[in-house]
N, C-alpha and C. Protein backbone atom coordinates (compact mmCIF):
# COMPACT_ATOMS: atom_id res chain seq x y z
N UNK A 1 -37.91 -16.75 -0.97
CA UNK A 1 -38.11 -15.45 -0.40
C UNK A 1 -39.61 -15.26 -0.16
N UNK A 2 -39.95 -14.62 0.95
CA UNK A 2 -41.35 -14.41 1.27
C UNK A 2 -41.93 -13.31 0.40
N UNK A 3 -43.21 -13.46 0.07
CA UNK A 3 -43.88 -12.42 -0.71
C UNK A 3 -44.33 -11.30 0.22
N UNK A 4 -44.52 -10.14 -0.36
CA UNK A 4 -44.94 -8.97 0.41
C UNK A 4 -46.45 -8.94 0.53
N UNK A 5 -46.94 -8.43 1.65
CA UNK A 5 -48.37 -8.23 1.84
C UNK A 5 -48.77 -6.94 1.13
N UNK A 6 -50.04 -6.82 0.75
CA UNK A 6 -50.51 -5.65 0.00
C UNK A 6 -50.22 -4.34 0.74
N UNK A 7 -50.47 -4.31 2.02
CA UNK A 7 -50.34 -3.07 2.80
C UNK A 7 -48.94 -2.85 3.38
N UNK A 8 -48.10 -3.86 3.33
CA UNK A 8 -46.80 -3.83 4.00
C UNK A 8 -45.88 -2.73 3.47
N UNK A 9 -45.79 -2.59 2.18
CA UNK A 9 -44.91 -1.59 1.58
C UNK A 9 -45.37 -0.18 1.93
N UNK A 10 -46.69 0.05 1.87
CA UNK A 10 -47.23 1.38 2.20
C UNK A 10 -46.96 1.73 3.67
N UNK A 11 -47.16 0.76 4.54
CA UNK A 11 -46.93 1.01 5.97
C UNK A 11 -45.45 1.32 6.24
N UNK A 12 -44.56 0.59 5.59
CA UNK A 12 -43.13 0.86 5.76
C UNK A 12 -42.76 2.23 5.21
N UNK A 13 -43.35 2.62 4.11
CA UNK A 13 -43.08 3.93 3.52
C UNK A 13 -43.58 5.04 4.43
N UNK A 14 -44.80 4.91 4.96
CA UNK A 14 -45.32 5.96 5.85
C UNK A 14 -44.48 6.03 7.12
N UNK A 15 -44.03 4.89 7.63
CA UNK A 15 -43.17 4.90 8.81
C UNK A 15 -41.84 5.59 8.53
N UNK A 16 -41.26 5.33 7.37
CA UNK A 16 -40.01 5.98 6.98
C UNK A 16 -40.21 7.48 6.85
N UNK A 17 -41.29 7.87 6.17
CA UNK A 17 -41.54 9.31 5.99
C UNK A 17 -41.79 10.01 7.33
N UNK A 18 -42.48 9.35 8.26
CA UNK A 18 -42.71 9.93 9.60
C UNK A 18 -41.38 10.16 10.31
N UNK A 19 -40.45 9.20 10.16
CA UNK A 19 -39.15 9.36 10.83
C UNK A 19 -38.37 10.54 10.23
N UNK A 20 -38.70 10.94 9.01
CA UNK A 20 -38.05 12.08 8.36
C UNK A 20 -38.85 13.37 8.56
N UNK A 21 -39.97 13.29 9.30
CA UNK A 21 -40.77 14.48 9.58
C UNK A 21 -41.89 14.73 8.60
N UNK A 22 -42.22 13.77 7.76
CA UNK A 22 -43.29 13.93 6.77
C UNK A 22 -44.42 12.97 7.14
N UNK A 23 -45.62 13.52 7.30
CA UNK A 23 -46.76 12.66 7.65
C UNK A 23 -47.77 12.68 6.53
N UNK A 24 -48.15 11.48 6.07
CA UNK A 24 -49.18 11.38 5.04
C UNK A 24 -50.54 11.34 5.72
N UNK A 25 -51.39 12.31 5.40
CA UNK A 25 -52.74 12.34 5.95
C UNK A 25 -53.70 11.81 4.91
N UNK A 26 -54.87 11.38 5.39
CA UNK A 26 -55.88 10.85 4.49
C UNK A 26 -56.23 11.90 3.43
N UNK A 27 -56.34 11.43 2.20
CA UNK A 27 -56.67 12.33 1.10
C UNK A 27 -56.29 11.70 -0.22
N UNK A 28 -56.46 12.48 -1.27
CA UNK A 28 -56.22 11.94 -2.61
C UNK A 28 -54.74 11.60 -2.81
N UNK A 29 -53.84 12.41 -2.26
CA UNK A 29 -52.42 12.15 -2.41
C UNK A 29 -52.03 10.84 -1.72
N UNK A 30 -52.53 10.65 -0.50
CA UNK A 30 -52.22 9.43 0.25
C UNK A 30 -52.80 8.20 -0.44
N UNK A 31 -54.00 8.34 -1.02
CA UNK A 31 -54.61 7.23 -1.73
C UNK A 31 -53.80 6.85 -2.98
N UNK A 32 -53.29 7.88 -3.68
CA UNK A 32 -52.48 7.61 -4.87
C UNK A 32 -51.18 6.91 -4.48
N UNK A 33 -50.57 7.33 -3.39
CA UNK A 33 -49.34 6.68 -2.92
C UNK A 33 -49.64 5.25 -2.50
N UNK A 34 -50.77 5.04 -1.82
CA UNK A 34 -51.15 3.70 -1.39
C UNK A 34 -51.41 2.79 -2.59
N UNK A 35 -52.08 3.32 -3.62
CA UNK A 35 -52.35 2.52 -4.82
C UNK A 35 -51.03 2.20 -5.53
N UNK A 36 -50.13 3.17 -5.59
CA UNK A 36 -48.82 2.94 -6.22
C UNK A 36 -48.04 1.87 -5.47
N UNK A 37 -48.08 1.93 -4.15
CA UNK A 37 -47.40 0.91 -3.34
C UNK A 37 -48.01 -0.47 -3.57
N UNK A 38 -49.32 -0.52 -3.75
CA UNK A 38 -49.99 -1.79 -4.01
C UNK A 38 -49.54 -2.35 -5.36
N UNK A 39 -49.47 -1.51 -6.38
CA UNK A 39 -49.01 -1.96 -7.69
C UNK A 39 -47.55 -2.41 -7.64
N UNK A 40 -46.73 -1.68 -6.92
CA UNK A 40 -45.32 -2.05 -6.78
C UNK A 40 -45.18 -3.39 -6.04
N UNK A 41 -46.01 -3.60 -5.03
CA UNK A 41 -46.00 -4.87 -4.30
C UNK A 41 -46.34 -6.03 -5.24
N UNK A 42 -47.37 -5.83 -6.07
CA UNK A 42 -47.75 -6.87 -7.03
C UNK A 42 -46.60 -7.16 -7.99
N UNK A 43 -45.96 -6.11 -8.49
CA UNK A 43 -44.84 -6.28 -9.42
C UNK A 43 -43.69 -7.03 -8.76
N UNK A 44 -43.39 -6.69 -7.52
CA UNK A 44 -42.30 -7.36 -6.80
C UNK A 44 -42.62 -8.84 -6.60
N UNK A 45 -43.85 -9.13 -6.18
CA UNK A 45 -44.24 -10.52 -5.94
C UNK A 45 -44.22 -11.34 -7.24
N UNK A 46 -44.73 -10.76 -8.33
CA UNK A 46 -44.71 -11.47 -9.60
C UNK A 46 -43.28 -11.67 -10.10
N UNK A 47 -42.43 -10.68 -9.90
CA UNK A 47 -41.03 -10.81 -10.28
C UNK A 47 -40.34 -11.91 -9.51
N UNK A 48 -40.63 -12.01 -8.22
CA UNK A 48 -40.04 -13.08 -7.41
C UNK A 48 -40.49 -14.45 -7.89
N UNK A 49 -41.78 -14.57 -8.21
CA UNK A 49 -42.29 -15.85 -8.69
C UNK A 49 -41.63 -16.23 -10.02
N UNK A 50 -41.50 -15.25 -10.91
CA UNK A 50 -40.86 -15.50 -12.20
C UNK A 50 -39.41 -15.92 -12.05
N UNK A 51 -38.70 -15.24 -11.15
CA UNK A 51 -37.29 -15.60 -10.92
C UNK A 51 -37.17 -17.00 -10.33
N UNK A 52 -38.09 -17.35 -9.47
CA UNK A 52 -38.05 -18.69 -8.87
C UNK A 52 -38.30 -19.76 -9.94
N UNK A 53 -39.27 -19.52 -10.82
CA UNK A 53 -39.53 -20.48 -11.91
C UNK A 53 -38.33 -20.58 -12.84
N UNK A 54 -37.74 -19.42 -13.17
CA UNK A 54 -36.56 -19.42 -14.05
C UNK A 54 -35.41 -20.16 -13.40
N UNK A 55 -35.21 -19.96 -12.11
CA UNK A 55 -34.13 -20.64 -11.39
C UNK A 55 -34.34 -22.15 -11.43
N UNK A 56 -35.57 -22.59 -11.22
CA UNK A 56 -35.85 -24.03 -11.26
C UNK A 56 -35.59 -24.61 -12.65
N UNK A 57 -35.99 -23.89 -13.70
CA UNK A 57 -35.75 -24.39 -15.05
C UNK A 57 -34.26 -24.41 -15.38
N UNK A 58 -33.55 -23.39 -14.94
CA UNK A 58 -32.10 -23.35 -15.17
C UNK A 58 -31.41 -24.50 -14.45
N UNK A 59 -31.84 -24.76 -13.21
CA UNK A 59 -31.26 -25.89 -12.47
C UNK A 59 -31.52 -27.21 -13.18
N UNK A 60 -32.73 -27.37 -13.72
CA UNK A 60 -33.07 -28.60 -14.44
C UNK A 60 -32.19 -28.75 -15.69
N UNK A 61 -32.07 -27.68 -16.47
CA UNK A 61 -31.25 -27.72 -17.68
C UNK A 61 -29.77 -27.95 -17.34
N UNK A 62 -29.31 -27.33 -16.26
CA UNK A 62 -27.92 -27.51 -15.84
C UNK A 62 -27.65 -28.96 -15.45
N UNK A 63 -28.61 -29.58 -14.77
CA UNK A 63 -28.47 -31.00 -14.43
C UNK A 63 -28.41 -31.86 -15.70
N UNK A 64 -29.22 -31.50 -16.71
CA UNK A 64 -29.18 -32.24 -17.97
C UNK A 64 -27.83 -32.08 -18.66
N UNK A 65 -27.29 -30.87 -18.65
CA UNK A 65 -25.97 -30.63 -19.26
C UNK A 65 -24.90 -31.42 -18.52
N UNK A 66 -24.96 -31.42 -17.21
CA UNK A 66 -23.98 -32.19 -16.42
C UNK A 66 -24.06 -33.67 -16.76
N UNK A 67 -25.29 -34.18 -16.92
CA UNK A 67 -25.46 -35.59 -17.24
C UNK A 67 -24.86 -35.91 -18.60
N UNK A 68 -25.09 -35.05 -19.59
CA UNK A 68 -24.54 -35.28 -20.92
C UNK A 68 -23.01 -35.25 -20.87
N UNK A 69 -22.45 -34.28 -20.15
CA UNK A 69 -20.99 -34.20 -20.03
C UNK A 69 -20.46 -35.46 -19.35
N UNK A 70 -21.16 -35.91 -18.32
CA UNK A 70 -20.73 -37.12 -17.61
C UNK A 70 -20.75 -38.32 -18.55
N UNK A 71 -21.81 -38.44 -19.36
CA UNK A 71 -21.90 -39.57 -20.28
C UNK A 71 -20.81 -39.51 -21.35
N UNK A 72 -20.50 -38.30 -21.82
CA UNK A 72 -19.50 -38.17 -22.88
C UNK A 72 -18.08 -38.38 -22.36
N UNK A 73 -17.82 -38.06 -21.11
CA UNK A 73 -16.46 -38.15 -20.57
C UNK A 73 -16.23 -39.38 -19.71
N UNK A 74 -17.26 -40.20 -19.50
CA UNK A 74 -17.11 -41.39 -18.67
C UNK A 74 -16.19 -42.39 -19.37
N UNK A 75 -15.48 -43.20 -18.58
CA UNK A 75 -14.61 -44.22 -19.18
C UNK A 75 -15.42 -45.15 -20.09
N UNK A 76 -14.78 -45.59 -21.15
CA UNK A 76 -15.44 -46.48 -22.10
C UNK A 76 -15.67 -47.84 -21.47
N UNK A 77 -16.65 -48.56 -21.96
CA UNK A 77 -16.97 -49.88 -21.43
C UNK A 77 -15.97 -50.91 -21.95
N UNK A 78 -16.21 -52.18 -21.72
CA UNK A 78 -15.29 -53.27 -22.06
C UNK A 78 -15.22 -53.55 -23.54
N UNK A 79 -15.80 -52.72 -24.36
CA UNK A 79 -15.80 -52.97 -25.79
C UNK A 79 -14.43 -52.75 -26.43
N UNK A 80 -13.51 -52.07 -25.73
CA UNK A 80 -12.18 -51.87 -26.28
C UNK A 80 -11.34 -53.12 -26.04
N UNK A 81 -10.53 -53.54 -27.01
CA UNK A 81 -9.73 -54.76 -26.84
C UNK A 81 -8.66 -54.57 -25.76
N UNK A 82 -8.48 -55.60 -24.96
CA UNK A 82 -7.46 -55.57 -23.92
C UNK A 82 -7.92 -54.90 -22.63
N UNK A 83 -9.07 -54.30 -22.62
CA UNK A 83 -9.54 -53.63 -21.41
C UNK A 83 -10.19 -54.65 -20.50
N UNK A 84 -10.09 -54.39 -19.21
CA UNK A 84 -10.72 -55.26 -18.24
C UNK A 84 -12.10 -54.69 -17.93
N UNK A 85 -13.11 -55.53 -17.99
CA UNK A 85 -14.48 -55.07 -17.76
C UNK A 85 -14.88 -55.30 -16.31
N UNK A 86 -15.72 -54.41 -15.83
CA UNK A 86 -16.25 -54.59 -14.48
C UNK A 86 -17.62 -55.21 -14.60
N UNK A 87 -17.89 -56.17 -13.73
CA UNK A 87 -19.20 -56.81 -13.73
C UNK A 87 -20.15 -55.96 -12.92
N UNK A 88 -21.41 -56.37 -12.87
CA UNK A 88 -22.42 -55.62 -12.13
C UNK A 88 -22.09 -55.56 -10.65
N UNK A 89 -21.38 -56.57 -10.14
CA UNK A 89 -21.01 -56.59 -8.73
C UNK A 89 -19.81 -55.71 -8.44
N UNK A 90 -19.19 -55.17 -9.47
CA UNK A 90 -18.04 -54.29 -9.27
C UNK A 90 -16.72 -55.03 -9.25
N UNK A 91 -16.73 -56.33 -9.55
CA UNK A 91 -15.50 -57.13 -9.54
C UNK A 91 -14.95 -57.14 -10.96
N UNK A 92 -13.67 -56.88 -11.08
CA UNK A 92 -13.06 -56.85 -12.40
C UNK A 92 -12.82 -58.28 -12.89
N UNK A 93 -13.14 -58.48 -14.14
CA UNK A 93 -12.88 -59.78 -14.76
C UNK A 93 -11.42 -59.83 -15.18
N UNK A 94 -10.77 -60.97 -15.04
CA UNK A 94 -9.36 -61.06 -15.44
C UNK A 94 -9.22 -60.99 -16.95
N UNK A 95 -8.04 -60.54 -17.39
CA UNK A 95 -7.76 -60.50 -18.82
C UNK A 95 -7.69 -61.94 -19.33
N UNK A 96 -8.15 -62.15 -20.54
CA UNK A 96 -8.05 -63.51 -21.07
C UNK A 96 -6.58 -63.86 -21.30
N UNK A 97 -6.24 -65.12 -20.99
CA UNK A 97 -4.86 -65.55 -21.16
C UNK A 97 -4.55 -65.74 -22.63
N UNK A 98 -3.32 -65.48 -22.95
CA UNK A 98 -2.87 -65.63 -24.33
C UNK A 98 -2.79 -67.11 -24.68
N UNK A 99 -3.14 -67.44 -25.91
CA UNK A 99 -3.07 -68.83 -26.35
C UNK A 99 -1.73 -69.15 -26.98
N UNK A 100 -0.88 -68.16 -27.15
CA UNK A 100 0.43 -68.40 -27.77
C UNK A 100 1.32 -69.16 -26.78
N UNK A 101 2.14 -70.06 -27.31
CA UNK A 101 3.02 -70.86 -26.46
C UNK A 101 4.28 -70.08 -26.17
N UNK A 102 4.80 -70.29 -25.03
CA UNK A 102 6.05 -69.63 -24.65
C UNK A 102 7.20 -70.33 -25.34
N UNK A 103 8.17 -69.53 -25.75
CA UNK A 103 9.28 -70.10 -26.51
C UNK A 103 10.39 -70.62 -25.61
N UNK A 104 10.56 -70.03 -24.44
CA UNK A 104 11.63 -70.50 -23.55
C UNK A 104 11.12 -71.63 -22.68
N UNK A 105 11.95 -72.57 -22.45
CA UNK A 105 11.55 -73.69 -21.61
C UNK A 105 11.78 -73.33 -20.15
N UNK A 106 11.23 -74.10 -19.27
CA UNK A 106 11.39 -73.87 -17.84
C UNK A 106 12.85 -74.00 -17.43
N UNK A 107 13.51 -74.94 -18.00
CA UNK A 107 14.89 -75.19 -17.64
C UNK A 107 15.74 -73.97 -18.00
N UNK A 108 15.48 -73.37 -19.14
CA UNK A 108 16.26 -72.21 -19.59
C UNK A 108 15.98 -71.02 -18.69
N UNK A 109 14.77 -70.85 -18.25
CA UNK A 109 14.44 -69.72 -17.37
C UNK A 109 15.06 -69.91 -16.01
N UNK A 110 15.09 -71.10 -15.51
CA UNK A 110 15.62 -71.38 -14.20
C UNK A 110 17.12 -71.20 -14.13
N UNK A 111 17.84 -71.44 -15.18
CA UNK A 111 19.28 -71.33 -15.16
C UNK A 111 19.77 -69.89 -15.19
N UNK A 112 18.97 -68.96 -15.65
CA UNK A 112 19.39 -67.59 -15.72
C UNK A 112 19.23 -66.86 -14.40
N UNK A 113 18.56 -67.42 -13.43
CA UNK A 113 18.32 -66.74 -12.16
C UNK A 113 19.36 -66.99 -11.14
């Protein structure tokens, strides 16, 4: 958001008051209103800067929270038994073959089909 110029708020206020039939003439009252508008402009600009800094910090912390959640909920690596691991190239490694011998012979399997 753009910051306000020092005189901008006072000029808009005098323009609004003129449209309502009230004209501010030079004098102590007009100077007090102008000084008040200047202080209000400073407060608005500082508030905007503070909100922008807070927004940036919140975004940073939110990204950190998302990263932690992602790390905690991501699938486990190949450290679990029986799981297939992915290599750096993204190719899945085959499951290791069992070393146990099959009990049925080929002939027995072929006759049942």
